[in-house]
Structure formats: C-alpha cells, structure tokens
Protein backbone atom coordinates (compact mmCIF):
# COMPACT_ATOMS: atom_id res chain seq x y z
CA MET A 1 1.64 11.48 -10.22
CA TRP A 2 1.25 7.96 -11.65
CA PRO A 3 3.86 7.11 -14.32
CA THR A 4 2.84 7.05 -17.97
CA THR A 5 2.98 3.77 -19.85
CA SER A 6 6.39 4.57 -21.42
CA VAL A 7 7.88 5.65 -18.09
CA TRP A 8 6.33 2.61 -16.41
CA ARG A 9 8.02 0.30 -18.94
CA LYS A 10 11.42 2.01 -18.55
CA ILE A 11 11.33 1.81 -14.75
CA THR A 12 10.14 -1.80 -14.85
CA GLY A 13 12.93 -2.70 -17.28
CA VAL A 14 15.61 -1.17 -15.06
CA LEU A 15 14.23 -2.89 -11.96
CA THR A 16 13.96 -6.23 -13.73
CA GLU A 17 17.60 -6.02 -14.82
CA TRP A 18 18.68 -5.17 -11.27
CA LEU A 19 16.59 -7.96 -9.72
CA HIS A 20 18.35 -10.44 -12.03
CA THR A 21 21.60 -9.62 -10.21
CA VAL A 22 20.39 -10.56 -6.72
CA PRO A 23 19.48 -13.93 -5.13
CA PRO A 24 15.79 -15.01 -5.29
CA LEU A 25 15.37 -14.60 -1.53
CA LEU A 26 16.44 -10.97 -1.78
CA VAL A 27 13.91 -10.44 -4.59
CA TYR A 28 11.10 -11.46 -2.21
CA VAL A 29 12.51 -9.25 0.55
CA VAL A 30 12.73 -6.23 -1.77
CA VAL A 31 9.16 -6.74 -2.99
CA GLY A 32 7.81 -7.07 0.55
CA LEU A 33 9.75 -4.06 1.87
CA VAL A 34 8.93 -1.67 -0.98
CA VAL A 35 5.24 -2.61 -1.03
CA GLY A 36 5.15 -2.44 2.77
CA VAL A 37 6.76 1.00 3.02
CA GLU A 38 4.47 2.33 0.28
CA SER A 39 1.46 0.93 2.15
CA MET A 40 2.56 2.75 5.30
CA GLY A 41 2.05 6.01 3.44
CA ILE A 42 5.48 6.68 1.92
CA PRO A 43 5.18 7.17 -1.88
CA LEU A 44 7.32 4.40 -3.39
CA PRO A 45 6.73 2.49 -6.67
CA GLY A 46 5.35 -0.63 -5.02
CA GLU A 47 3.33 -1.84 -7.98
CA VAL A 48 6.20 -1.23 -10.39
CA VAL A 49 8.52 -3.34 -8.22
CA LEU A 50 5.88 -6.07 -8.00
CA VAL A 51 5.45 -6.08 -11.79
CA ALA A 52 9.23 -6.24 -12.29
CA ALA A 53 9.54 -9.20 -9.90
CA ALA A 54 6.61 -11.06 -11.48
CA LEU A 55 8.04 -10.43 -14.93
CA MET A 56 11.36 -11.77 -13.72
CA ALA A 57 9.63 -14.89 -12.34
CA SER A 58 8.20 -15.58 -15.80
CA HIS A 59 11.75 -15.78 -17.23
CA HIS A 60 13.74 -17.00 -14.23
CA ASP A 61 13.34 -20.54 -12.88
CA GLY A 62 14.83 -19.55 -9.52
CA VAL A 63 12.15 -16.98 -8.67
CA SER A 64 8.73 -18.33 -7.71
CA PRO A 65 5.65 -16.28 -8.68
CA LEU A 66 3.91 -17.77 -5.64
CA TRP A 67 6.48 -16.32 -3.25
CA VAL A 68 6.49 -13.00 -5.11
CA GLY A 69 2.73 -12.80 -4.51
CA VAL A 70 3.08 -13.89 -0.88
CA ALA A 71 5.79 -11.27 -0.24
CA ALA A 72 3.71 -8.51 -1.82
CA SER A 73 0.57 -9.57 0.08
CA ALA A 74 2.44 -9.62 3.39
CA GLY A 75 4.00 -6.23 2.68
CA ALA A 76 0.62 -4.74 1.76
CA ILE A 77 -1.18 -6.07 4.84
CA ILE A 78 1.58 -5.28 7.35
CA GLY A 79 2.40 -1.90 5.81
CA ASP A 80 -1.23 -0.79 5.79
CA SER A 81 -1.60 -1.92 9.41
CA ILE A 82 1.43 0.18 10.39
CA GLY A 83 -0.08 3.10 8.48
CA TYR A 84 -3.31 2.58 10.42
CA ALA A 85 -1.37 2.59 13.71
CA LEU A 86 0.40 5.82 12.73
CA GLY A 87 -2.91 7.44 11.83
CA LYS A 88 -4.35 6.30 15.15
CA ARG A 89 -1.35 7.67 17.05
CA PHE A 90 -0.92 11.05 15.35
CA GLY A 91 -4.39 11.76 14.01
CA PRO A 92 -5.11 14.15 11.09
CA ARG A 93 -1.87 16.08 11.66
CA ILE A 94 -0.03 13.17 10.04
CA PHE A 95 -1.28 14.47 6.68
CA GLY A 96 0.17 17.90 7.37
CA TRP A 97 3.55 16.32 8.06
CA ALA A 98 3.30 14.16 4.93
CA GLY A 99 2.16 17.13 2.84
CA GLU A 100 5.28 19.09 3.73
CA ARG A 101 7.58 16.26 2.69
CA PHE A 102 5.61 14.84 -0.25
CA PRO A 103 3.46 17.74 -1.54
CA ARG A 104 2.74 16.05 -4.88
CA HIS A 105 1.18 13.04 -3.18
CA PHE A 106 -0.35 14.56 -0.03
CA SER A 107 -1.76 17.92 -1.14
CA GLU A 108 -4.91 19.08 0.67
CA ASP A 109 -6.89 18.52 -2.52
CA LYS A 110 -5.76 14.90 -2.94
CA VAL A 111 -6.26 14.04 0.72
CA GLY A 112 -9.69 15.68 0.60
CA ARG A 113 -10.74 13.63 -2.42
CA ALA A 114 -9.52 10.43 -0.80
CA ARG A 115 -11.34 11.30 2.42
CA ALA A 116 -14.59 11.80 0.49
CA VAL A 117 -14.21 8.33 -1.03
CA PHE A 118 -13.67 6.78 2.41
CA GLU A 119 -16.64 8.62 3.88
CA LYS A 120 -18.90 7.26 1.17
CA TYR A 121 -17.60 3.72 0.69
CA GLY A 122 -15.95 2.81 4.01
CA ALA A 123 -14.36 -0.65 3.96
CA TRP A 124 -14.96 -0.97 0.22
CA ALA A 125 -12.66 2.03 -0.27
CA VAL A 126 -9.95 0.11 1.61
CA PHE A 127 -10.44 -2.96 -0.59
CA PHE A 128 -10.62 -1.22 -3.98
CA GLY A 129 -8.17 1.48 -2.90
CA ARG A 130 -5.43 -1.13 -3.11
CA PHE A 131 -5.77 -0.93 -6.91
CA VAL A 132 -5.45 2.89 -7.05
CA ALA A 133 -2.05 4.49 -6.44
CA LEU A 134 -3.40 7.54 -4.58
CA LEU A 135 -5.64 5.55 -2.22
CA ARG A 136 -3.06 2.82 -1.71
CA ILE A 137 -0.71 5.11 0.20
CA LEU A 138 -3.52 6.86 2.12
CA SER A 139 -5.61 3.86 3.09
CA GLY A 140 -4.20 3.04 6.53
CA PRO A 141 -3.82 6.55 7.98
CA LEU A 142 -7.17 7.71 6.55
CA ALA A 143 -9.09 4.72 7.90
CA ALA A 144 -7.65 5.30 11.37
CA THR A 145 -8.24 9.06 11.50
CA MET A 146 -11.83 8.54 10.35
CA GLY A 147 -12.52 6.08 13.15
CA MET A 148 -12.86 2.83 11.19
CA HIS A 149 -12.62 -0.16 13.54
CA TYR A 150 -9.33 -2.01 13.07
CA GLY A 151 -11.01 -5.41 12.66
CA LYS A 152 -13.12 -4.10 9.80
CA PHE A 153 -10.11 -2.37 8.29
CA LEU A 154 -7.91 -5.47 8.60
CA LEU A 155 -10.47 -7.68 6.85
CA ALA A 156 -10.83 -5.28 3.90
CA ASN A 157 -7.09 -4.59 3.87
CA ALA A 158 -6.14 -8.28 3.81
CA ALA A 159 -8.69 -9.12 1.12
CA GLY A 160 -7.61 -6.17 -1.03
CA GLY A 161 -3.91 -6.83 -0.51
CA ILE A 162 -4.17 -10.49 -1.48
CA ALA A 163 -6.41 -9.73 -4.48
CA TRP A 164 -4.10 -6.97 -5.70
CA ALA A 165 -0.81 -8.81 -5.12
CA GLY A 166 -2.07 -12.17 -6.35
CA GLY A 167 -3.91 -10.73 -9.33
CA THR A 168 -1.03 -8.52 -10.45
CA THR A 169 1.53 -11.30 -10.06
CA ALA A 170 -0.62 -13.82 -11.94
CA ALA A 171 -1.43 -11.38 -14.75
CA VAL A 172 2.20 -10.47 -15.35
CA TYR A 173 3.48 -14.03 -14.93
CA PHE A 174 1.03 -15.59 -17.38
CA VAL A 175 0.58 -12.72 -19.83
CA GLY A 176 4.11 -11.33 -19.58
CA GLU A 177 5.17 -7.95 -20.86
CA ALA A 178 1.80 -7.28 -22.50
CA ALA A 179 0.27 -7.02 -19.02
CA GLU A 180 2.46 -4.02 -18.12
CA ARG A 181 0.61 -1.66 -20.47
CA TYR A 182 -2.81 -2.83 -19.31
CA LEU A 183 -1.89 -2.50 -15.63
CA ALA A 184 -0.64 1.06 -16.13
CA GLU A 185 -3.78 1.99 -18.06
CA PHE A 186 -6.00 0.27 -15.47
CA SER A 187 -4.49 2.40 -12.69
CA TRP A 188 -5.39 5.57 -14.60
CA ILE A 189 -8.91 4.30 -15.35
CA ALA A 190 -9.47 3.30 -11.74
CA LEU A 191 -8.32 6.70 -10.53
CA VAL A 192 -10.66 8.47 -12.99
CA VAL A 193 -13.59 6.34 -11.80
CA VAL A 194 -12.82 7.21 -8.19
CA LEU A 195 -12.57 10.94 -8.96
CA VAL A 196 -15.87 10.88 -10.87
CA ALA A 197 -17.52 9.18 -7.89
CA VAL A 198 -16.13 11.83 -5.54
CA VAL A 199 -17.39 14.68 -7.73
CA ALA A 200 -20.82 13.07 -8.03
CA PHE A 201 -20.96 12.56 -4.28
CA SER A 202 -19.97 16.18 -3.61
CA VAL A 203 -22.52 17.59 -6.07
CA ARG A 204 -25.29 15.44 -4.63
CA GLY A 205 -24.41 16.59 -1.12
CA ARG A 206 -24.54 20.25 -2.13
CA LEU A 207 -27.87 19.79 -3.89
CA ARG A 208 -29.33 18.18 -0.78
CA ARG A 209 -28.11 21.01 1.42
CA SER A 210 -29.50 23.64 -0.96
CA ARG A 211 -32.95 22.04 -0.84
CA ARG A 212 -33.14 22.21 2.94
C-alpha cells in the first residue's frame, strides 16, 4: 500500500532528520542502496528516501542534488537489472516466493494487473512503471519472465530511472516541501490511471473473445 500524504510527510521528516546526522557521502550511498534494493523487487520506500535526500540537499550545502540524482539513477538502473536477472534465473516462481514473504505487495491480483500492463505496453510499461510504486518493484522480474529482450529492457529502464530520479530530485530541490504532497498524490493518480487501463484492456479482450 502506498503511504498517504500525512504518512509520507512523517516518514520523510524522520528520514531527513536522520540523514542530517550522517556524512554527505553516506547520504548518496543510502539513496543508491535503498532505491536499488527496491528496484530488485524488495518493497522498500525508495521514493521516500529520495525525497528526503533531495529535501536535505535544498537546505544543506554539503549535499549535492546532482549526486543525489546520480545515486538514485544508478540504484534504479542496477537494481532493476538485478531484478531482471533474478526473473530470468527463477522464472514465474519468483512471484510465488515473493508473495509468501510480502503478500501485500505481491498478491496474485497485483501481479496479474501488472502483468496485463506489461503485455499491453511492453517497454513503455518499464519506462512509466518507474513512476508507479507497484510497477517499480515488479518491473525487472516481470520483464524477464515475459521474455522481453534485455537490451530493450535496459534502454527503457535507464531512461525511466534517470527521468524519475532526476525529475523527483529537481522537483523537491527547487520547489521544496510543497513538492512532497504533489509527488504523493501523483503516485496515487498514476496508479489509478494504470488500473483503469488494465480494466479497459481486460474488458476489450473479453468482448473480442465473445464475438468470435
């Protein structure tokens, strides 16, 4: 479940306070690691950590927004690639394993909806999935199990990772705390749009089959 705006702000505040206690280099490492592990398919608050670090950069001369964005981009690209490799190695059963350990994030229903999006939009789902919490953690394994060529996946993954990391960092750095609310709301809106597209796609498929 994606955090509500109030929860988002509380978590971001706690993380920002903690990041102020560590050296700038460690801030970049934490951002890269958390985003990377989330991108592998482990549900961690990658975007919340990125927002906290970018917010810190806007108030802390020692933390560079450029390096925050670079760290998040690298984590997203590398993490998704590892997720792809895991999906390639273990196949669809990886979702059964993940569902047992993280049932709220990897239920059959959620994986099924994400799979429908990937079947319809392919590489575009990888790119835009970076902006949706549910698709962000499923992107690599799903693309691999559905047979997407790694070169195609890497291109969409890199473009999406850079756009997401760079855009989020820039928005928070230049707009500040006001961007937190809009980012949280955007994640909900993006997820709703994806779900509507999946439902429309499913209904259209059933109508076509019924006409045959």
